[in-house]
Amino acid sequence: MTAPCVTRFAPSPTGLLHLGHAHAALFAARAAAGGRFLVRIEDIDRGRCRAEFESAVLRDLAWLGLSWETPVRRQSEHFEDYAGARADSSASAPA
């Protein structure tokens, strides 16, 4: 028996969803096939990412009939985690 698959769709909310995004999201959701389909918002480009684009992307994904686990992970909410990981890897690196 095969373990359930975990897939994700990770749009950057710098514009509206386009056909390529829709295809990638549908492909990932179908590939999960009873497993987990995750949406991760790549909002680390603070200059170009917009809340209204994120809302529109999620609305469009729902319109396509997709459902995903909540809460949606927003990369911008994890800057401290990444900084901590960098610090840990620097501390354990050979001198």
C-alpha atoms as a PDB file:
ATOM      1  CA  MET A   1       0.000   0.000   0.000  1.00  0.00           C
ATOM      2  CA  THR A   2       1.301   3.439  -0.880  1.00  0.00           C
ATOM      3  CA  ALA A   3       1.422   6.267   1.642  1.00  0.00           C
ATOM      4  CA  PRO A   4      -0.871   9.229   0.896  1.00  0.00           C
ATOM      5  CA  CYS A   5       0.830  11.916  -1.145  1.00  0.00           C
ATOM      6  CA  VAL A   6       1.368  15.498   0.023  1.00  0.00           C
ATOM      7  CA  THR A   7       1.346  18.177  -2.665  1.00  0.00           C
ATOM      8  CA  ARG A   8       1.352  21.942  -2.565  1.00  0.00           C
ATOM      9  CA  PHE A   9       0.617  24.948  -4.680  1.00  0.00           C
ATOM     10  CA  ALA A  10       2.709  27.985  -3.770  1.00  0.00           C
ATOM     11  CA  PRO A  11       1.594  31.124  -5.598  1.00  0.00           C
ATOM     12  CA  SER A  12       3.239  34.492  -5.120  1.00  0.00           C
ATOM     13  CA  PRO A  13       0.457  37.072  -4.729  1.00  0.00           C
ATOM     14  CA  THR A  14       1.956  39.591  -7.113  1.00  0.00           C
ATOM     15  CA  GLY A  15      -0.903  39.388  -9.585  1.00  0.00           C
ATOM     16  CA  LEU A  16      -4.012  37.475 -10.527  1.00  0.00           C
ATOM     17  CA  LEU A  17      -4.141  33.730 -11.095  1.00  0.00           C
ATOM     18  CA  HIS A  18      -3.463  32.864 -14.732  1.00  0.00           C
ATOM     19  CA  LEU A  19      -4.049  29.716 -16.752  1.00  0.00           C
ATOM     20  CA  GLY A  20      -0.631  28.253 -15.938  1.00  0.00           C
ATOM     21  CA  HIS A  21      -1.253  28.722 -12.213  1.00  0.00           C
ATOM     22  CA  ALA A  22      -4.695  27.146 -12.511  1.00  0.00           C
ATOM     23  CA  HIS A  23      -3.208  24.145 -14.327  1.00  0.00           C
ATOM     24  CA  ALA A  24      -0.458  23.719 -11.706  1.00  0.00           C
ATOM     25  CA  ALA A  25      -2.965  23.941  -8.845  1.00  0.00           C
ATOM     26  CA  LEU A  26      -5.356  21.449 -10.463  1.00  0.00           C
ATOM     27  CA  PHE A  27      -2.460  19.088 -11.201  1.00  0.00           C
ATOM     28  CA  ALA A  28      -1.175  19.267  -7.610  1.00  0.00           C
ATOM     29  CA  ALA A  29      -4.638  18.753  -6.129  1.00  0.00           C
ATOM     30  CA  ARG A  30      -5.293  15.754  -8.362  1.00  0.00           C
ATOM     31  CA  ALA A  31      -1.827  14.306  -7.636  1.00  0.00           C
ATOM     32  CA  ALA A  32      -2.625  14.361  -3.908  1.00  0.00           C
ATOM     33  CA  ALA A  33      -5.360  11.773  -4.670  1.00  0.00           C
ATOM     34  CA  GLY A  34      -6.732  11.386  -1.174  1.00  0.00           C
ATOM     35  CA  GLY A  35      -3.584  12.746   0.448  1.00  0.00           C
ATOM     36  CA  ARG A  36      -2.902  16.315   1.487  1.00  0.00           C
ATOM     37  CA  PHE A  37      -3.130  19.342  -0.812  1.00  0.00           C
ATOM     38  CA  LEU A  38      -1.521  22.418   0.727  1.00  0.00           C
ATOM     39  CA  VAL A  39      -1.518  26.051  -0.343  1.00  0.00           C
ATOM     40  CA  ARG A  40       1.543  28.053   0.705  1.00  0.00           C
ATOM     41  CA  ILE A  41       1.544  31.764  -0.060  1.00  0.00           C
ATOM     42  CA  GLU A  42       4.979  32.970  -1.189  1.00  0.00           C
ATOM     43  CA  ASP A  43       4.567  36.539   0.061  1.00  0.00           C
ATOM     44  CA  ILE A  44       8.158  37.375   0.913  1.00  0.00           C
ATOM     45  CA  ASP A  45       8.529  40.022  -1.793  1.00  0.00           C
ATOM     46  CA  ARG A  46       7.113  42.797   0.363  1.00  0.00           C
ATOM     47  CA  GLY A  47       7.332  45.328  -2.426  1.00  0.00           C
ATOM     48  CA  ARG A  48       5.186  43.459  -4.957  1.00  0.00           C
ATOM     49  CA  CYS A  49       2.882  41.142  -2.957  1.00  0.00           C
ATOM     50  CA  ARG A  50      -0.613  42.439  -2.238  1.00  0.00           C
ATOM     51  CA  ALA A  51      -3.352  41.175   0.083  1.00  0.00           C
ATOM     52  CA  GLU A  52      -5.955  41.737  -2.644  1.00  0.00           C
ATOM     53  CA  PHE A  53      -4.043  39.400  -4.993  1.00  0.00           C
ATOM     54  CA  GLU A  54      -3.825  36.741  -2.274  1.00  0.00           C
ATOM     55  CA  SER A  55      -7.595  36.980  -1.722  1.00  0.00           C
ATOM     56  CA  ALA A  56      -8.225  36.777  -5.466  1.00  0.00           C
ATOM     57  CA  VAL A  57      -5.979  33.714  -5.860  1.00  0.00           C
ATOM     58  CA  LEU A  58      -7.729  31.866  -3.031  1.00  0.00           C
ATOM     59  CA  ARG A  59     -11.129  32.847  -4.415  1.00  0.00           C
ATOM     60  CA  ASP A  60     -10.146  31.568  -7.868  1.00  0.00           C
ATOM     61  CA  LEU A  61      -8.845  28.273  -6.461  1.00  0.00           C
ATOM     62  CA  ALA A  62     -12.160  27.772  -4.687  1.00  0.00           C
ATOM     63  CA  TRP A  63     -13.981  28.628  -7.929  1.00  0.00           C
ATOM     64  CA  LEU A  64     -11.991  25.848  -9.606  1.00  0.00           C
ATOM     65  CA  GLY A  65     -13.495  23.494  -7.030  1.00  0.00           C
ATOM     66  CA  LEU A  66     -10.296  22.989  -5.027  1.00  0.00           C
ATOM     67  CA  SER A  67     -10.117  22.678  -1.278  1.00  0.00           C
ATOM     68  CA  TRP A  68      -6.967  22.701   0.825  1.00  0.00           C
ATOM     69  CA  GLU A  69      -5.841  22.363   4.394  1.00  0.00           C
ATOM     70  CA  THR A  70      -6.143  25.400   6.594  1.00  0.00           C
ATOM     71  CA  PRO A  71      -4.631  27.529   7.815  1.00  0.00           C
ATOM     72  CA  VAL A  72      -2.771  28.536   4.676  1.00  0.00           C
ATOM     73  CA  ARG A  73       0.957  28.940   5.362  1.00  0.00           C
ATOM     74  CA  ARG A  74       2.239  32.419   4.600  1.00  0.00           C
ATOM     75  CA  GLN A  75       5.989  32.494   4.218  1.00  0.00           C
ATOM     76  CA  SER A  76       6.172  36.069   5.574  1.00  0.00           C
ATOM     77  CA  GLU A  77       4.953  34.785   8.949  1.00  0.00           C
ATOM     78  CA  HIS A  78       8.045  32.591   9.310  1.00  0.00           C
ATOM     79  CA  PHE A  79      10.987  34.966   8.843  1.00  0.00           C
ATOM     80  CA  GLU A  80      12.091  34.339  12.455  1.00  0.00           C
ATOM     81  CA  ASP A  81      12.062  30.564  11.867  1.00  0.00           C
ATOM     82  CA  TYR A  82      14.303  30.974   8.825  1.00  0.00           C
ATOM     83  CA  ALA A  83      16.671  33.310  10.671  1.00  0.00           C
ATOM     84  CA  GLY A  84      16.887  30.797  13.518  1.00  0.00           C
ATOM     85  CA  ALA A  85      17.638  27.955  11.113  1.00  0.00           C
ATOM     86  CA  ARG A  86      20.387  30.022   9.493  1.00  0.00           C
ATOM     87  CA  ALA A  87      21.862  30.812  12.896  1.00  0.00           C
ATOM     88  CA  ASP A  88      21.764  27.134  13.898  1.00  0.00           C
ATOM     89  CA  SER A  89      23.466  26.024  10.688  1.00  0.00           C
ATOM     90  CA  SER A  90      26.126  28.728  11.038  1.00  0.00           C
ATOM     91  CA  ALA A  91      26.847  27.675  14.630  1.00  0.00           C
ATOM     92  CA  SER A  92      27.314  24.023  13.633  1.00  0.00           C
ATOM     93  CA  ALA A  93      29.414  24.735  10.521  1.00  0.00           C
ATOM     94  CA  PRO A  94      33.096  23.800  10.769  1.00  0.00           C
ATOM     95  CA  ALA A  95      35.449  26.725  11.225  1.00  0.00           C
END
